[in-house]
Amino acid sequence: MYTDFFHLNEEPFQVTPNPKYLFLSNVHREALQKLTDGVRRRKGFIEMVGIAGTGKTILCKELVQMLSPEIDIAYLFYPVLN
């Protein structure tokens, strides 16, 4: 629908965000820097929280692309903690 109407080359809305379209605001840039720094300094567990739609997933995808493939990464979606 959107591709024909707006003459787009690909669907604009996917289930997961595409880092190709990442816009780093000052807040996002700072968050990415802190995530990267935490991984490089081997800080162990790093948590990023925020309300839906604030860019957490796309920042994580960007971080994974930036890191060496030798680094082990785990995503915990909806963990039940008490």
N, C-alpha and C. Protein backbone atom coordinates (compact mmCIF):
# COMPACT_ATOMS: atom_id res chain seq x y z
N MET A 1 0.81 -1.19 0.00
CA MET A 1 0.00 0.00 0.00
C MET A 1 0.87 1.26 0.00
N TYR A 2 1.77 1.37 0.97
CA TYR A 2 2.63 2.56 1.06
C TYR A 2 3.62 2.63 -0.10
N THR A 3 4.12 1.47 -0.51
CA THR A 3 5.14 1.47 -1.56
C THR A 3 4.62 2.05 -2.86
N ASP A 4 3.40 1.68 -3.23
CA ASP A 4 2.82 2.19 -4.48
C ASP A 4 2.46 3.67 -4.37
N PHE A 5 1.80 4.03 -3.28
CA PHE A 5 1.33 5.40 -3.12
C PHE A 5 2.48 6.40 -3.03
N PHE A 6 3.51 6.06 -2.24
CA PHE A 6 4.64 6.98 -2.04
C PHE A 6 5.83 6.66 -2.94
N HIS A 7 5.71 5.67 -3.81
CA HIS A 7 6.77 5.26 -4.73
C HIS A 7 8.04 4.87 -3.97
N LEU A 8 7.87 4.04 -2.95
CA LEU A 8 8.99 3.58 -2.14
C LEU A 8 9.57 2.31 -2.71
N ASN A 9 10.83 2.06 -2.41
CA ASN A 9 11.51 0.85 -2.88
C ASN A 9 11.28 -0.35 -1.97
N GLU A 10 10.90 -0.10 -0.71
CA GLU A 10 10.65 -1.19 0.22
C GLU A 10 9.58 -0.79 1.22
N GLU A 11 9.01 -1.78 1.88
CA GLU A 11 7.96 -1.53 2.87
C GLU A 11 8.53 -0.68 4.01
N PRO A 12 7.85 0.40 4.39
CA PRO A 12 8.39 1.29 5.42
C PRO A 12 8.22 0.78 6.85
N PHE A 13 7.27 -0.09 7.12
CA PHE A 13 7.00 -0.52 8.48
C PHE A 13 7.18 -2.03 8.59
N GLN A 14 8.20 -2.43 9.32
CA GLN A 14 8.50 -3.84 9.51
C GLN A 14 8.23 -4.22 10.96
N VAL A 15 8.27 -5.52 11.23
CA VAL A 15 8.05 -6.00 12.60
C VAL A 15 9.17 -5.50 13.51
N THR A 16 10.40 -5.54 13.02
CA THR A 16 11.53 -5.01 13.79
C THR A 16 12.16 -3.87 13.01
N PRO A 17 12.68 -2.88 13.70
CA PRO A 17 13.26 -1.73 13.01
C PRO A 17 14.54 -2.07 12.26
N ASN A 18 14.78 -1.35 11.20
CA ASN A 18 15.96 -1.55 10.36
C ASN A 18 17.01 -0.50 10.74
N PRO A 19 18.19 -0.93 11.23
CA PRO A 19 19.23 0.04 11.61
C PRO A 19 19.68 0.94 10.46
N LYS A 20 19.37 0.55 9.24
CA LYS A 20 19.70 1.38 8.08
C LYS A 20 19.02 2.75 8.19
N TYR A 21 17.89 2.80 8.90
CA TYR A 21 17.14 4.05 9.02
C TYR A 21 17.30 4.69 10.40
N LEU A 22 18.34 4.32 11.11
CA LEU A 22 18.56 4.86 12.45
C LEU A 22 18.93 6.34 12.40
N PHE A 23 18.22 7.13 13.17
CA PHE A 23 18.57 8.54 13.35
C PHE A 23 19.04 8.68 14.79
N LEU A 24 20.29 9.07 14.96
CA LEU A 24 20.85 9.21 16.29
C LEU A 24 20.64 10.62 16.82
N SER A 25 19.60 10.78 17.64
CA SER A 25 19.43 12.05 18.34
C SER A 25 20.52 12.11 19.41
N ASN A 26 20.63 13.21 20.10
CA ASN A 26 21.63 13.31 21.17
C ASN A 26 21.42 12.25 22.24
N VAL A 27 20.17 12.00 22.58
CA VAL A 27 19.86 10.99 23.61
C VAL A 27 20.22 9.60 23.11
N HIS A 28 19.89 9.29 21.86
CA HIS A 28 20.22 7.98 21.30
C HIS A 28 21.73 7.80 21.16
N ARG A 29 22.42 8.84 20.75
CA ARG A 29 23.87 8.78 20.61
C ARG A 29 24.52 8.49 21.96
N GLU A 30 24.04 9.15 23.00
CA GLU A 30 24.58 8.94 24.34
C GLU A 30 24.31 7.51 24.83
N ALA A 31 23.10 7.03 24.59
CA ALA A 31 22.75 5.67 24.99
C ALA A 31 23.63 4.65 24.26
N LEU A 32 23.82 4.84 22.97
CA LEU A 32 24.67 3.92 22.20
C LEU A 32 26.11 3.97 22.69
N GLN A 33 26.59 5.15 23.02
CA GLN A 33 27.95 5.28 23.55
C GLN A 33 28.08 4.53 24.88
N LYS A 34 27.09 4.66 25.75
CA LYS A 34 27.14 3.97 27.05
C LYS A 34 27.07 2.46 26.87
N LEU A 35 26.24 1.99 25.95
CA LEU A 35 26.18 0.56 25.68
C LEU A 35 27.51 0.04 25.15
N THR A 36 28.06 0.76 24.19
CA THR A 36 29.34 0.36 23.59
C THR A 36 30.44 0.35 24.63
N ASP A 37 30.49 1.39 25.44
CA ASP A 37 31.50 1.50 26.48
C ASP A 37 31.36 0.35 27.48
N GLY A 38 30.13 0.03 27.86
CA GLY A 38 29.89 -1.06 28.80
C GLY A 38 30.37 -2.40 28.28
N VAL A 39 30.16 -2.64 26.99
CA VAL A 39 30.61 -3.90 26.38
C VAL A 39 32.13 -3.92 26.30
N ARG A 40 32.72 -2.86 25.83
CA ARG A 40 34.18 -2.81 25.66
C ARG A 40 34.92 -2.89 27.00
N ARG A 41 34.32 -2.36 28.06
CA ARG A 41 34.95 -2.42 29.38
C ARG A 41 34.58 -3.69 30.15
N ARG A 42 33.83 -4.57 29.47
CA ARG A 42 33.43 -5.84 30.07
C ARG A 42 32.69 -5.65 31.38
N LYS A 43 31.70 -4.77 31.35
CA LYS A 43 30.92 -4.45 32.55
C LYS A 43 29.94 -5.56 32.92
N GLY A 44 29.82 -6.56 32.07
CA GLY A 44 28.91 -7.67 32.38
C GLY A 44 27.51 -7.39 31.88
N PHE A 45 26.55 -7.43 32.77
CA PHE A 45 25.14 -7.27 32.42
C PHE A 45 24.84 -5.79 32.18
N ILE A 46 24.28 -5.49 31.02
CA ILE A 46 23.89 -4.12 30.69
C ILE A 46 22.40 -4.15 30.39
N GLU A 47 21.68 -3.25 31.02
CA GLU A 47 20.23 -3.22 30.85
C GLU A 47 19.83 -1.87 30.24
N MET A 48 18.92 -1.93 29.29
CA MET A 48 18.37 -0.71 28.71
C MET A 48 16.85 -0.83 28.81
N VAL A 49 16.23 0.13 29.45
CA VAL A 49 14.78 0.10 29.62
C VAL A 49 14.18 1.39 29.11
N GLY A 50 12.92 1.33 28.75
CA GLY A 50 12.20 2.51 28.28
C GLY A 50 10.86 2.10 27.74
N ILE A 51 9.99 3.07 27.54
CA ILE A 51 8.66 2.75 27.03
C ILE A 51 8.73 2.35 25.56
N ALA A 52 7.71 1.72 25.10
CA ALA A 52 7.66 1.23 23.71
C ALA A 52 7.81 2.38 22.73
N GLY A 53 8.60 2.12 21.68
CA GLY A 53 8.74 3.11 20.61
C GLY A 53 9.83 4.14 20.82
N THR A 54 10.68 3.95 21.84
CA THR A 54 11.72 4.95 22.10
C THR A 54 13.05 4.63 21.44
N GLY A 55 13.17 3.47 20.79
CA GLY A 55 14.38 3.16 20.04
C GLY A 55 15.30 2.14 20.66
N LYS A 56 14.84 1.39 21.65
CA LYS A 56 15.70 0.42 22.32
C LYS A 56 16.16 -0.69 21.37
N THR A 57 15.23 -1.26 20.64
CA THR A 57 15.56 -2.37 19.75
C THR A 57 16.51 -1.95 18.65
N ILE A 58 16.27 -0.82 18.04
CA ILE A 58 17.12 -0.38 16.94
C ILE A 58 18.53 -0.03 17.44
N LEU A 59 18.63 0.50 18.66
CA LEU A 59 19.95 0.77 19.23
C LEU A 59 20.70 -0.53 19.51
N CYS A 60 19.98 -1.52 19.99
CA CYS A 60 20.62 -2.83 20.23
C CYS A 60 21.10 -3.45 18.92
N LYS A 61 20.29 -3.34 17.88
CA LYS A 61 20.69 -3.86 16.58
C LYS A 61 21.94 -3.13 16.05
N GLU A 62 21.98 -1.83 16.24
CA GLU A 62 23.14 -1.05 15.81
C GLU A 62 24.38 -1.46 16.60
N LEU A 63 24.21 -1.65 17.89
CA LEU A 63 25.33 -2.08 18.73
C LEU A 63 25.88 -3.42 18.27
N VAL A 64 25.00 -4.37 18.00
CA VAL A 64 25.42 -5.69 17.54
C VAL A 64 26.20 -5.59 16.23
N GLN A 65 25.76 -4.74 15.32
CA GLN A 65 26.46 -4.57 14.05
C GLN A 65 27.84 -3.95 14.24
N MET A 66 27.99 -3.10 15.27
CA MET A 66 29.26 -2.43 15.51
C MET A 66 30.29 -3.34 16.17
N LEU A 67 29.83 -4.34 16.90
CA LEU A 67 30.73 -5.18 17.69
C LEU A 67 31.34 -6.31 16.88
N SER A 68 32.42 -6.83 17.41
CA SER A 68 33.09 -7.97 16.80
C SER A 68 32.19 -9.20 16.88
N PRO A 69 32.23 -10.06 15.87
CA PRO A 69 31.41 -11.27 15.91
C PRO A 69 31.88 -12.24 17.00
N GLU A 70 33.03 -12.00 17.59
CA GLU A 70 33.55 -12.87 18.65
C GLU A 70 32.90 -12.59 20.00
N ILE A 71 32.15 -11.50 20.11
CA ILE A 71 31.50 -11.14 21.37
C ILE A 71 30.15 -11.84 21.46
N ASP A 72 29.91 -12.53 22.58
CA ASP A 72 28.64 -13.21 22.79
C ASP A 72 27.60 -12.22 23.29
N ILE A 73 26.43 -12.26 22.67
CA ILE A 73 25.35 -11.34 23.00
C ILE A 73 24.07 -12.15 23.22
N ALA A 74 23.31 -11.78 24.23
CA ALA A 74 22.02 -12.44 24.48
C ALA A 74 20.95 -11.36 24.62
N TYR A 75 19.81 -11.58 23.98
CA TYR A 75 18.65 -10.70 24.13
C TYR A 75 17.70 -11.39 25.11
N LEU A 76 17.20 -10.65 26.08
CA LEU A 76 16.19 -11.16 27.00
C LEU A 76 14.92 -10.36 26.78
N PHE A 77 13.97 -10.95 26.10
CA PHE A 77 12.71 -10.27 25.82
C PHE A 77 11.69 -10.64 26.88
N TYR A 78 11.10 -9.66 27.50
CA TYR A 78 10.07 -9.86 28.51
C TYR A 78 10.48 -10.82 29.61
N PRO A 79 11.63 -10.61 30.24
CA PRO A 79 12.02 -11.50 31.34
C PRO A 79 11.08 -11.30 32.53
N VAL A 80 10.81 -12.37 33.20
CA VAL A 80 9.96 -12.30 34.39
C VAL A 80 10.90 -12.28 35.60
N LEU A 81 11.03 -11.13 36.19
CA LEU A 81 11.90 -10.99 37.36
C LEU A 81 11.08 -10.46 38.52
N ASN A 82 11.42 -10.91 39.71
CA ASN A 82 10.76 -10.38 40.89
C ASN A 82 11.75 -10.14 42.00
